[in-house]
Amino acid sequence: MSHDFNFTEGGYIPGNLNFDFSPPPTPPTSYSILKGISNNFVAIWADLDAGLNNGKMYIGSQGYFQVVKLDDQTIYDWYSVSQKGRGNETLDNNDIVDINVTGGI
């Protein structure tokens, strides 16, 4: 079963939405390319023109900020308190609460 979600900036979605990012119990199989061991994502953004197979997706999770290239599902950039990303900076701390993406990376 698939669901379409319409996420809009500043939009409100009533109630709780629970996303199951764990692998399905039967094929097709899935794999994880994200850094870290937590699947507790605090923020997910995407380029305005992103689609399933193009653009970039930005993910904030406990201790990591990551940029995923959607055309080949690879990590384009990532940051932690010890890992400098393409911007030659590290995270200030592990407690990411939100991200705000402006411009392009």
PDB file of N, CA and C in Angstrom:
ATOM      1  N   MET A   1       0.840  -1.154   0.000  1.00  0.00           N
ATOM      2  CA  MET A   1       0.000   0.000   0.000  1.00  0.00           C
ATOM      3  C   MET A   1       0.898   1.234   0.000  1.00  0.00           C
ATOM      4  N   SER A   2       0.567   2.239  -0.801  1.00  0.00           N
ATOM      5  CA  SER A   2       1.363   3.467  -0.805  1.00  0.00           C
ATOM      6  C   SER A   2       0.487   4.630  -0.389  1.00  0.00           C
ATOM      7  N   HIS A   3       1.132   5.634   0.168  1.00  0.00           N
ATOM      8  CA  HIS A   3       0.435   6.836   0.602  1.00  0.00           C
ATOM      9  C   HIS A   3       1.117   8.041  -0.012  1.00  0.00           C
ATOM     10  N   ASP A   4       0.344   9.029  -0.409  1.00  0.00           N
ATOM     11  CA  ASP A   4       0.904  10.289  -0.865  1.00  0.00           C
ATOM     12  C   ASP A   4       0.740  11.302   0.247  1.00  0.00           C
ATOM     13  N   PHE A   5       1.816  11.997   0.581  1.00  0.00           N
ATOM     14  CA  PHE A   5       1.774  13.011   1.612  1.00  0.00           C
ATOM     15  C   PHE A   5       2.071  14.350   0.984  1.00  0.00           C
ATOM     16  N   ASN A   6       1.284  15.330   1.289  1.00  0.00           N
ATOM     17  CA  ASN A   6       1.474  16.666   0.765  1.00  0.00           C
ATOM     18  C   ASN A   6       2.039  17.536   1.869  1.00  0.00           C
ATOM     19  N   PHE A   7       3.367  17.635   1.928  1.00  0.00           N
ATOM     20  CA  PHE A   7       4.006  18.448   2.944  1.00  0.00           C
ATOM     21  C   PHE A   7       4.190  19.854   2.385  1.00  0.00           C
ATOM     22  N   THR A   8       3.676  20.835   3.049  1.00  0.00           N
ATOM     23  CA  THR A   8       3.831  22.210   2.607  1.00  0.00           C
ATOM     24  C   THR A   8       4.501  23.018   3.698  1.00  0.00           C
ATOM     25  N   GLU A   9       5.242  24.036   3.287  1.00  0.00           N
ATOM     26  CA  GLU A   9       5.937  24.874   4.252  1.00  0.00           C
ATOM     27  C   GLU A   9       4.925  25.545   5.168  1.00  0.00           C
ATOM     28  N   GLY A  10       5.132  25.401   6.451  1.00  0.00           N
ATOM     29  CA  GLY A  10       4.241  26.014   7.422  1.00  0.00           C
ATOM     30  C   GLY A  10       2.921  25.287   7.559  1.00  0.00           C
ATOM     31  N   GLY A  11       2.767  24.174   6.835  1.00  0.00           N
ATOM     32  CA  GLY A  11       1.513  23.429   6.890  1.00  0.00           C
ATOM     33  C   GLY A  11       1.357  22.675   8.188  1.00  0.00           C
ATOM     34  N   TYR A  12       0.161  22.322   8.515  1.00  0.00           N
ATOM     35  CA  TYR A  12      -0.114  21.567   9.738  1.00  0.00           C
ATOM     36  C   TYR A  12      -0.774  20.265   9.355  1.00  0.00           C
ATOM     37  N   ILE A  13      -0.256  19.187   9.879  1.00  0.00           N
ATOM     38  CA  ILE A  13      -0.852  17.876   9.654  1.00  0.00           C
ATOM     39  C   ILE A  13      -1.415  17.405  10.980  1.00  0.00           C
ATOM     40  N   PRO A  14      -2.734  17.300  11.088  1.00  0.00           N
ATOM     41  CA  PRO A  14      -3.327  16.912  12.375  1.00  0.00           C
ATOM     42  C   PRO A  14      -2.985  15.479  12.750  1.00  0.00           C
ATOM     43  N   GLY A  15      -2.865  15.243  14.042  1.00  0.00           N
ATOM     44  CA  GLY A  15      -2.603  13.893  14.527  1.00  0.00           C
ATOM     45  C   GLY A  15      -1.156  13.494  14.326  1.00  0.00           C
ATOM     46  N   ASN A  16      -0.872  12.258  14.567  1.00  0.00           N
ATOM     47  CA  ASN A  16       0.479  11.735  14.429  1.00  0.00           C
ATOM     48  C   ASN A  16       0.596  10.927  13.153  1.00  0.00           C
ATOM     49  N   LEU A  17       1.706  11.101  12.465  1.00  0.00           N
ATOM     50  CA  LEU A  17       2.012  10.262  11.313  1.00  0.00           C
ATOM     51  C   LEU A  17       3.220   9.423  11.680  1.00  0.00           C
ATOM     52  N   ASN A  18       3.090   8.135  11.622  1.00  0.00           N
ATOM     53  CA  ASN A  18       4.198   7.247  11.944  1.00  0.00           C
ATOM     54  C   ASN A  18       4.724   6.648  10.652  1.00  0.00           C
ATOM     55  N   PHE A  19       6.011   6.834  10.415  1.00  0.00           N
ATOM     56  CA  PHE A  19       6.651   6.305   9.228  1.00  0.00           C
ATOM     57  C   PHE A  19       7.499   5.108   9.622  1.00  0.00           C
ATOM     58  N   ASP A  20       7.368   4.034   8.910  1.00  0.00           N
ATOM     59  CA  ASP A  20       8.148   2.835   9.185  1.00  0.00           C
ATOM     60  C   ASP A  20       9.293   2.770   8.188  1.00  0.00           C
ATOM     61  N   PHE A  21      10.520   3.111   8.641  1.00  0.00           N
ATOM     62  CA  PHE A  21      11.679   3.101   7.773  1.00  0.00           C
ATOM     63  C   PHE A  21      12.459   1.791   7.869  1.00  0.00           C
ATOM     64  N   SER A  22      11.912   0.832   8.560  1.00  0.00           N
ATOM     65  CA  SER A  22      12.615  -0.447   8.666  1.00  0.00           C
ATOM     66  C   SER A  22      12.402  -1.256   7.391  1.00  0.00           C
ATOM     67  N   PRO A  23      13.310  -2.179   7.106  1.00  0.00           N
ATOM     68  CA  PRO A  23      13.174  -2.980   5.888  1.00  0.00           C
ATOM     69  C   PRO A  23      11.884  -3.802   5.912  1.00  0.00           C
ATOM     70  N   PRO A  24      11.285  -4.012   4.757  1.00  0.00           N
ATOM     71  CA  PRO A  24      10.094  -4.856   4.704  1.00  0.00           C
ATOM     72  C   PRO A  24      10.435  -6.296   5.076  1.00  0.00           C
ATOM     73  N   PRO A  25       9.484  -7.036   5.625  1.00  0.00           N
ATOM     74  CA  PRO A  25       9.769  -8.390   6.060  1.00  0.00           C
ATOM     75  C   PRO A  25      10.019  -9.365   4.910  1.00  0.00           C
ATOM     76  N   THR A  26       9.566  -9.018   3.723  1.00  0.00           N
ATOM     77  CA  THR A  26       9.787  -9.884   2.560  1.00  0.00           C
ATOM     78  C   THR A  26      10.345  -9.039   1.421  1.00  0.00           C
ATOM     79  N   PRO A  27      10.883  -9.652   0.362  1.00  0.00           N
ATOM     80  CA  PRO A  27      11.393  -8.840  -0.752  1.00  0.00           C
ATOM     81  C   PRO A  27      10.320  -7.899  -1.271  1.00  0.00           C
ATOM     82  N   PRO A  28      10.628  -6.719  -1.792  1.00  0.00           N
ATOM     83  CA  PRO A  28      11.979  -6.300  -2.135  1.00  0.00           C
ATOM     84  C   PRO A  28      12.791  -5.904  -0.907  1.00  0.00           C
ATOM     85  N   THR A  29      14.081  -6.119  -0.985  1.00  0.00           N
ATOM     86  CA  THR A  29      14.958  -5.756   0.123  1.00  0.00           C
ATOM     87  C   THR A  29      15.284  -4.270   0.055  1.00  0.00           C
ATOM     88  N   SER A  30      15.737  -3.735   1.162  1.00  0.00           N
ATOM     89  CA  SER A  30      16.134  -2.326   1.191  1.00  0.00           C
ATOM     90  C   SER A  30      17.503  -2.229   1.835  1.00  0.00           C
ATOM     91  N   TYR A  31      18.135  -1.087   1.712  1.00  0.00           N
ATOM     92  CA  TYR A  31      19.435  -0.878   2.307  1.00  0.00           C
ATOM     93  C   TYR A  31      19.498   0.541   2.845  1.00  0.00           C
ATOM     94  N   SER A  32      20.435   0.769   3.717  1.00  0.00           N
ATOM     95  CA  SER A  32      20.580   2.080   4.330  1.00  0.00           C
ATOM     96  C   SER A  32      21.882   2.716   3.893  1.00  0.00           C
ATOM     97  N   ILE A  33      21.812   3.963   3.451  1.00  0.00           N
ATOM     98  CA  ILE A  33      23.025   4.693   3.089  1.00  0.00           C
ATOM     99  C   ILE A  33      23.321   5.795   4.091  1.00  0.00           C
ATOM    100  N   LEU A  34      22.421   6.027   5.022  1.00  0.00           N
ATOM    101  CA  LEU A  34      22.584   7.127   5.960  1.00  0.00           C
ATOM    102  C   LEU A  34      23.612   6.804   7.028  1.00  0.00           C
ATOM    103  N   LYS A  35      24.318   7.839   7.488  1.00  0.00           N
ATOM    104  CA  LYS A  35      25.306   7.698   8.543  1.00  0.00           C
ATOM    105  C   LYS A  35      24.592   7.587   9.887  1.00  0.00           C
ATOM    106  N   GLY A  36      25.217   6.947  10.851  1.00  0.00           N
ATOM    107  CA  GLY A  36      24.637   6.818  12.182  1.00  0.00           C
ATOM    108  C   GLY A  36      23.774   5.583  12.308  1.00  0.00           C
ATOM    109  N   ILE A  37      23.259   5.378  13.510  1.00  0.00           N
ATOM    110  CA  ILE A  37      22.453   4.186  13.759  1.00  0.00           C
ATOM    111  C   ILE A  37      21.002   4.509  14.083  1.00  0.00           C
ATOM    112  N   SER A  38      20.660   5.782  14.192  1.00  0.00           N
ATOM    113  CA  SER A  38      19.305   6.171  14.554  1.00  0.00           C
ATOM    114  C   SER A  38      18.443   6.393  13.313  1.00  0.00           C
ATOM    115  N   ASN A  39      17.198   5.946  13.372  1.00  0.00           N
ATOM    116  CA  ASN A  39      16.246   6.287  12.311  1.00  0.00           C
ATOM    117  C   ASN A  39      15.235   7.307  12.839  1.00  0.00           C
ATOM    118  N   ASN A  40      15.652   8.060  13.874  1.00  0.00           N
ATOM    119  CA  ASN A  40      14.831   9.135  14.414  1.00  0.00           C
ATOM    120  C   ASN A  40      15.243  10.435  13.723  1.00  0.00           C
ATOM    121  N   PHE A  41      14.547  10.783  12.643  1.00  0.00           N
ATOM    122  CA  PHE A  41      14.871  11.961  11.864  1.00  0.00           C
ATOM    123  C   PHE A  41      14.158  13.173  12.459  1.00  0.00           C
ATOM    124  N   VAL A  42      14.918  14.251  12.691  1.00  0.00           N
ATOM    125  CA  VAL A  42      14.326  15.454  13.270  1.00  0.00           C
ATOM    126  C   VAL A  42      13.812  16.382  12.189  1.00  0.00           C
ATOM    127  N   ALA A  43      14.428  16.351  11.027  1.00  0.00           N
ATOM    128  CA  ALA A  43      14.003  17.224   9.938  1.00  0.00           C
ATOM    129  C   ALA A  43      14.414  16.618   8.602  1.00  0.00           C
ATOM    130  N   ILE A  44      13.522  16.752   7.634  1.00  0.00           N
ATOM    131  CA  ILE A  44      13.805  16.300   6.274  1.00  0.00           C
ATOM    132  C   ILE A  44      13.345  17.401   5.326  1.00  0.00           C
ATOM    133  N   TRP A  45      14.250  17.846   4.469  1.00  0.00           N
ATOM    134  CA  TRP A  45      13.942  18.853   3.456  1.00  0.00           C
ATOM    135  C   TRP A  45      14.372  18.300   2.105  1.00  0.00           C
ATOM    136  N   ALA A  46      13.876  18.912   1.040  1.00  0.00           N
ATOM    137  CA  ALA A  46      14.324  18.553  -0.306  1.00  0.00           C
ATOM    138  C   ALA A  46      14.369  19.819  -1.147  1.00  0.00           C
ATOM    139  N   ASP A  47      15.181  19.776  -2.214  1.00  0.00           N
ATOM    140  CA  ASP A  47      15.199  20.880  -3.160  1.00  0.00           C
ATOM    141  C   ASP A  47      13.790  21.107  -3.690  1.00  0.00           C
ATOM    142  N   LEU A  48      13.472  22.349  -4.036  1.00  0.00           N
ATOM    143  CA  LEU A  48      12.133  22.654  -4.560  1.00  0.00           C
ATOM    144  C   LEU A  48      11.817  21.864  -5.822  1.00  0.00           C
ATOM    145  N   ASP A  49      12.839  21.588  -6.632  1.00  0.00           N
ATOM    146  CA  ASP A  49      12.605  20.859  -7.877  1.00  0.00           C
ATOM    147  C   ASP A  49      12.968  19.376  -7.771  1.00  0.00           C
ATOM    148  N   ALA A  50      13.113  18.875  -6.543  1.00  0.00           N
ATOM    149  CA  ALA A  50      13.494  17.476  -6.354  1.00  0.00           C
ATOM    150  C   ALA A  50      12.347  16.538  -6.702  1.00  0.00           C
ATOM    151  N   GLY A  51      12.707  15.374  -7.182  1.00  0.00           N
ATOM    152  CA  GLY A  51      11.757  14.311  -7.445  1.00  0.00           C
ATOM    153  C   GLY A  51      12.344  13.010  -6.913  1.00  0.00           C
ATOM    154  N   LEU A  52      11.721  11.907  -7.215  1.00  0.00           N
ATOM    155  CA  LEU A  52      12.233  10.629  -6.741  1.00  0.00           C
ATOM    156  C   LEU A  52      13.609  10.315  -7.306  1.00  0.00           C
ATOM    157  N   ASN A  53      13.915  10.858  -8.477  1.00  0.00           N
ATOM    158  CA  ASN A  53      15.173  10.518  -9.133  1.00  0.00           C
ATOM    159  C   ASN A  53      16.043  11.718  -9.480  1.00  0.00           C
ATOM    160  N   ASN A  54      15.789  12.858  -8.855  1.00  0.00           N
ATOM    161  CA  ASN A  54      16.632  14.025  -9.115  1.00  0.00           C
ATOM    162  C   ASN A  54      16.609  14.980  -7.922  1.00  0.00           C
ATOM    163  N   GLY A  55      17.631  15.809  -7.846  1.00  0.00           N
ATOM    164  CA  GLY A  55      17.724  16.786  -6.769  1.00  0.00           C
ATOM    165  C   GLY A  55      18.406  16.214  -5.538  1.00  0.00           C
ATOM    166  N   LYS A  56      18.281  16.966  -4.439  1.00  0.00           N
ATOM    167  CA  LYS A  56      18.908  16.551  -3.190  1.00  0.00           C
ATOM    168  C   LYS A  56      17.900  16.592  -2.049  1.00  0.00           C
ATOM    169  N   MET A  57      18.124  15.718  -1.074  1.00  0.00           N
ATOM    170  CA  MET A  57      17.312  15.650   0.131  1.00  0.00           C
ATOM    171  C   MET A  57      18.254  15.895   1.309  1.00  0.00           C
ATOM    172  N   TYR A  58      17.790  16.686   2.293  1.00  0.00           N
ATOM    173  CA  TYR A  58      18.599  17.072   3.445  1.00  0.00           C
ATOM    174  C   TYR A  58      17.977  16.463   4.695  1.00  0.00           C
ATOM    175  N   ILE A  59      18.785  15.742   5.479  1.00  0.00           N
ATOM    176  CA  ILE A  59      18.249  14.989   6.604  1.00  0.00           C
ATOM    177  C   ILE A  59      19.018  15.338   7.874  1.00  0.00           C
ATOM    178  N   GLY A  60      18.285  15.723   8.906  1.00  0.00           N
ATOM    179  CA  GLY A  60      18.868  15.950  10.221  1.00  0.00           C
ATOM    180  C   GLY A  60      18.435  14.832  11.149  1.00  0.00           C
ATOM    181  N   SER A  61      19.399  14.194  11.797  1.00  0.00           N
ATOM    182  CA  SER A  61      19.106  13.142  12.766  1.00  0.00           C
ATOM    183  C   SER A  61      20.050  13.319  13.943  1.00  0.00           C
ATOM    184  N   GLN A  62      19.901  12.487  14.946  1.00  0.00           N
ATOM    185  CA  GLN A  62      20.732  12.611  16.140  1.00  0.00           C
ATOM    186  C   GLN A  62      22.210  12.576  15.780  1.00  0.00           C
ATOM    187  N   GLY A  63      22.876  13.727  15.854  1.00  0.00           N
ATOM    188  CA  GLY A  63      24.303  13.798  15.640  1.00  0.00           C
ATOM    189  C   GLY A  63      24.775  13.926  14.202  1.00  0.00           C
ATOM    190  N   TYR A  64      23.875  13.954  13.225  1.00  0.00           N
ATOM    191  CA  TYR A  64      24.285  13.980  11.826  1.00  0.00           C
ATOM    192  C   TYR A  64      23.404  14.913  11.008  1.00  0.00           C
ATOM    193  N   PHE A  65      24.037  15.594  10.057  1.00  0.00           N
ATOM    194  CA  PHE A  65      23.320  16.301   8.991  1.00  0.00           C
ATOM    195  C   PHE A  65      23.851  15.724   7.690  1.00  0.00           C
ATOM    196  N   GLN A  66      22.949  15.283   6.807  1.00  0.00           N
ATOM    197  CA  GLN A  66      23.349  14.582   5.597  1.00  0.00           C
ATOM    198  C   GLN A  66      22.620  15.125   4.389  1.00  0.00           C
ATOM    199  N   VAL A  67      23.299  15.084   3.263  1.00  0.00           N
ATOM    200  CA  VAL A  67      22.709  15.478   1.992  1.00  0.00           C
ATOM    201  C   VAL A  67      22.770  14.262   1.079  1.00  0.00           C
ATOM    202  N   VAL A  68      21.612  13.840   0.585  1.00  0.00           N
ATOM    203  CA  VAL A  68      21.515  12.657  -0.273  1.00  0.00           C
ATOM    204  C   VAL A  68      21.212  13.107  -1.698  1.00  0.00           C
ATOM    205  N   LYS A  69      22.015  12.636  -2.653  1.00  0.00           N
ATOM    206  CA  LYS A  69      21.720  12.860  -4.070  1.00  0.00           C
ATOM    207  C   LYS A  69      20.682  11.825  -4.483  1.00  0.00           C
ATOM    208  N   LEU A  70      19.534  12.299  -4.921  1.00  0.00           N
ATOM    209  CA  LEU A  70      18.440  11.385  -5.233  1.00  0.00           C
ATOM    210  C   LEU A  70      18.608  10.676  -6.571  1.00  0.00           C
ATOM    211  N   ASP A  71      19.421  11.231  -7.463  1.00  0.00           N
ATOM    212  CA  ASP A  71      19.566  10.572  -8.771  1.00  0.00           C
ATOM    213  C   ASP A  71      20.308   9.242  -8.667  1.00  0.00           C
ATOM    214  N   ASP A  72      21.250   9.129  -7.712  1.00  0.00           N
ATOM    215  CA  ASP A  72      21.948   7.857  -7.564  1.00  0.00           C
ATOM    216  C   ASP A  72      21.917   7.339  -6.118  1.00  0.00           C
ATOM    217  N   GLN A  73      21.089   7.930  -5.270  1.00  0.00           N
ATOM    218  CA  GLN A  73      20.909   7.527  -3.867  1.00  0.00           C
ATOM    219  C   GLN A  73      22.241   7.372  -3.140  1.00  0.00           C
ATOM    220  N   THR A  74      23.081   8.404  -3.223  1.00  0.00           N
ATOM    221  CA  THR A  74      24.362   8.392  -2.535  1.00  0.00           C
ATOM    222  C   THR A  74      24.446   9.590  -1.590  1.00  0.00           C
ATOM    223  N   ILE A  75      25.321   9.477  -0.604  1.00  0.00           N
ATOM    224  CA  ILE A  75      25.573  10.590   0.301  1.00  0.00           C
ATOM    225  C   ILE A  75      26.446  11.603  -0.431  1.00  0.00           C
ATOM    226  N   TYR A  76      25.924  12.804  -0.625  1.00  0.00           N
ATOM    227  CA  TYR A  76      26.663  13.873  -1.297  1.00  0.00           C
ATOM    228  C   TYR A  76      27.535  14.626  -0.294  1.00  0.00           C
ATOM    229  N   ASP A  77      27.030  14.787   0.923  1.00  0.00           N
ATOM    230  CA  ASP A  77      27.735  15.534   1.946  1.00  0.00           C
ATOM    231  C   ASP A  77      27.198  15.112   3.298  1.00  0.00           C
ATOM    232  N   TRP A  78      28.045  15.178   4.338  1.00  0.00           N
ATOM    233  CA  TRP A  78      27.554  14.890   5.681  1.00  0.00           C
ATOM    234  C   TRP A  78      28.448  15.543   6.720  1.00  0.00           C
ATOM    235  N   TYR A  79      27.821  15.833   7.852  1.00  0.00           N
ATOM    236  CA  TYR A  79      28.478  16.532   8.944  1.00  0.00           C
ATOM    237  C   TYR A  79      28.157  15.837  10.264  1.00  0.00           C
ATOM    238  N   SER A  80      29.102  15.886  11.187  1.00  0.00           N
ATOM    239  CA  SER A  80      28.873  15.486  12.570  1.00  0.00           C
ATOM    240  C   SER A  80      29.764  16.392  13.424  1.00  0.00           C
ATOM    241  N   VAL A  81      29.835  16.145  14.718  1.00  0.00           N
ATOM    242  CA  VAL A  81      30.704  16.976  15.552  1.00  0.00           C
ATOM    243  C   VAL A  81      32.180  16.719  15.247  1.00  0.00           C
ATOM    244  N   SER A  82      32.498  15.595  14.627  1.00  0.00           N
ATOM    245  CA  SER A  82      33.893  15.304  14.296  1.00  0.00           C
ATOM    246  C   SER A  82      34.156  15.256  12.789  1.00  0.00           C
ATOM    247  N   GLN A  83      33.112  15.164  11.972  1.00  0.00           N
ATOM    248  CA  GLN A  83      33.248  15.076  10.515  1.00  0.00           C
ATOM    249  C   GLN A  83      32.976  16.433   9.875  1.00  0.00           C
ATOM    250  N   LYS A  84      33.996  16.982   9.193  1.00  0.00           N
ATOM    251  CA  LYS A  84      33.809  18.214   8.434  1.00  0.00           C
ATOM    252  C   LYS A  84      33.183  17.863   7.090  1.00  0.00           C
ATOM    253  N   GLY A  85      32.133  18.563   6.744  1.00  0.00           N
ATOM    254  CA  GLY A  85      31.507  18.347   5.454  1.00  0.00           C
ATOM    255  C   GLY A  85      32.161  19.202   4.383  1.00  0.00           C
ATOM    256  N   ARG A  86      31.501  19.293   3.225  1.00  0.00           N
ATOM    257  CA  ARG A  86      32.031  20.069   2.103  1.00  0.00           C
ATOM    258  C   ARG A  86      32.227  21.544   2.462  1.00  0.00           C
ATOM    259  N   GLY A  87      31.470  22.046   3.435  1.00  0.00           N
ATOM    260  CA  GLY A  87      31.613  23.428   3.871  1.00  0.00           C
ATOM    261  C   GLY A  87      32.767  23.625   4.831  1.00  0.00           C
ATOM    262  N   ASN A  88      33.559  22.568   5.080  1.00  0.00           N
ATOM    263  CA  ASN A  88      34.715  22.601   5.964  1.00  0.00           C
ATOM    264  C   ASN A  88      34.345  23.022   7.390  1.00  0.00           C
ATOM    265  N   GLU A  89      33.172  22.620   7.828  1.00  0.00           N
ATOM    266  CA  GLU A  89      32.713  22.897   9.184  1.00  0.00           C
ATOM    267  C   GLU A  89      32.182  21.623   9.801  1.00  0.00           C
ATOM    268  N   THR A  90      32.121  21.590  11.123  1.00  0.00           N
ATOM    269  CA  THR A  90      31.501  20.482  11.841  1.00  0.00           C
ATOM    270  C   THR A  90      30.237  20.991  12.511  1.00  0.00           C
ATOM    271  N   LEU A  91      29.422  20.077  13.016  1.00  0.00           N
ATOM    272  CA  LEU A  91      28.257  20.462  13.804  1.00  0.00           C
ATOM    273  C   LEU A  91      28.729  21.006  15.147  1.00  0.00           C
ATOM    274  N   ASP A  92      27.986  21.959  15.701  1.00  0.00           N
ATOM    275  CA  ASP A  92      28.327  22.512  17.013  1.00  0.00           C
ATOM    276  C   ASP A  92      28.091  21.499  18.120  1.00  0.00           C
ATOM    277  N   ASN A  93      27.012  20.696  17.986  1.00  0.00           N
ATOM    278  CA  ASN A  93      26.718  19.662  18.980  1.00  0.00           C
ATOM    279  C   ASN A  93      25.861  18.583  18.335  1.00  0.00           C
ATOM    280  N   ASN A  94      25.571  17.520  19.066  1.00  0.00           N
ATOM    281  CA  ASN A  94      24.801  16.388  18.544  1.00  0.00           C
ATOM    282  C   ASN A  94      23.299  16.597  18.558  1.00  0.00           C
ATOM    283  N   ASP A  95      22.831  17.632  19.232  1.00  0.00           N
ATOM    284  CA  ASP A  95      21.399  17.830  19.433  1.00  0.00           C
ATOM    285  C   ASP A  95      20.775  18.665  18.314  1.00  0.00           C
ATOM    286  N   ILE A  96      20.566  18.044  17.162  1.00  0.00           N
ATOM    287  CA  ILE A  96      19.921  18.747  16.050  1.00  0.00           C
ATOM    288  C   ILE A  96      18.426  18.819  16.343  1.00  0.00           C
ATOM    289  N   VAL A  97      17.854  20.023  16.244  1.00  0.00           N
ATOM    290  CA  VAL A  97      16.423  20.170  16.492  1.00  0.00           C
ATOM    291  C   VAL A  97      15.667  20.561  15.228  1.00  0.00           C
ATOM    292  N   ASP A  98      16.343  21.159  14.249  1.00  0.00           N
ATOM    293  CA  ASP A  98      15.692  21.547  13.006  1.00  0.00           C
ATOM    294  C   ASP A  98      16.776  21.933  12.008  1.00  0.00           C
ATOM    295  N   ILE A  99      16.428  21.961  10.741  1.00  0.00           N
ATOM    296  CA  ILE A  99      17.340  22.450   9.714  1.00  0.00           C
ATOM    297  C   ILE A  99      16.590  23.431   8.848  1.00  0.00           C
ATOM    298  N   ASN A 100      17.315  24.339   8.260  1.00  0.00           N
ATOM    299  CA  ASN A 100      16.754  25.316   7.334  1.00  0.00           C
ATOM    300  C   ASN A 100      17.681  25.376   6.134  1.00  0.00           C
ATOM    301  N   VAL A 101      17.207  24.921   5.001  1.00  0.00           N
ATOM    302  CA  VAL A 101      18.036  24.845   3.812  1.00  0.00           C
ATOM    303  C   VAL A 101      17.734  26.044   2.937  1.00  0.00           C
ATOM    304  N   THR A 102      18.755  26.822   2.632  1.00  0.00           N
ATOM    305  CA  THR A 102      18.596  27.950   1.714  1.00  0.00           C
ATOM    306  C   THR A 102      19.661  27.836   0.648  1.00  0.00           C
ATOM    307  N   GLY A 103      19.321  28.194  -0.549  1.00  0.00           N
ATOM    308  CA  GLY A 103      20.275  28.057  -1.629  1.00  0.00           C
ATOM    309  C   GLY A 103      20.482  26.605  -1.977  1.00  0.00           C
ATOM    310  N   GLY A 104      21.576  26.299  -2.601  1.00  0.00           N
ATOM    311  CA  GLY A 104      21.846  24.912  -2.981  1.00  0.00           C
ATOM    312  C   GLY A 104      23.215  24.482  -2.520  1.00  0.00           C
ATOM    313  N   ILE A 105      23.321  23.231  -2.238  1.00  0.00           N
ATOM    314  CA  ILE A 105      24.614  22.665  -1.848  1.00  0.00           C
ATOM    315  C   ILE A 105      25.122  21.849  -3.018  1.00  0.00           C
TER     316      ILE A 105
END
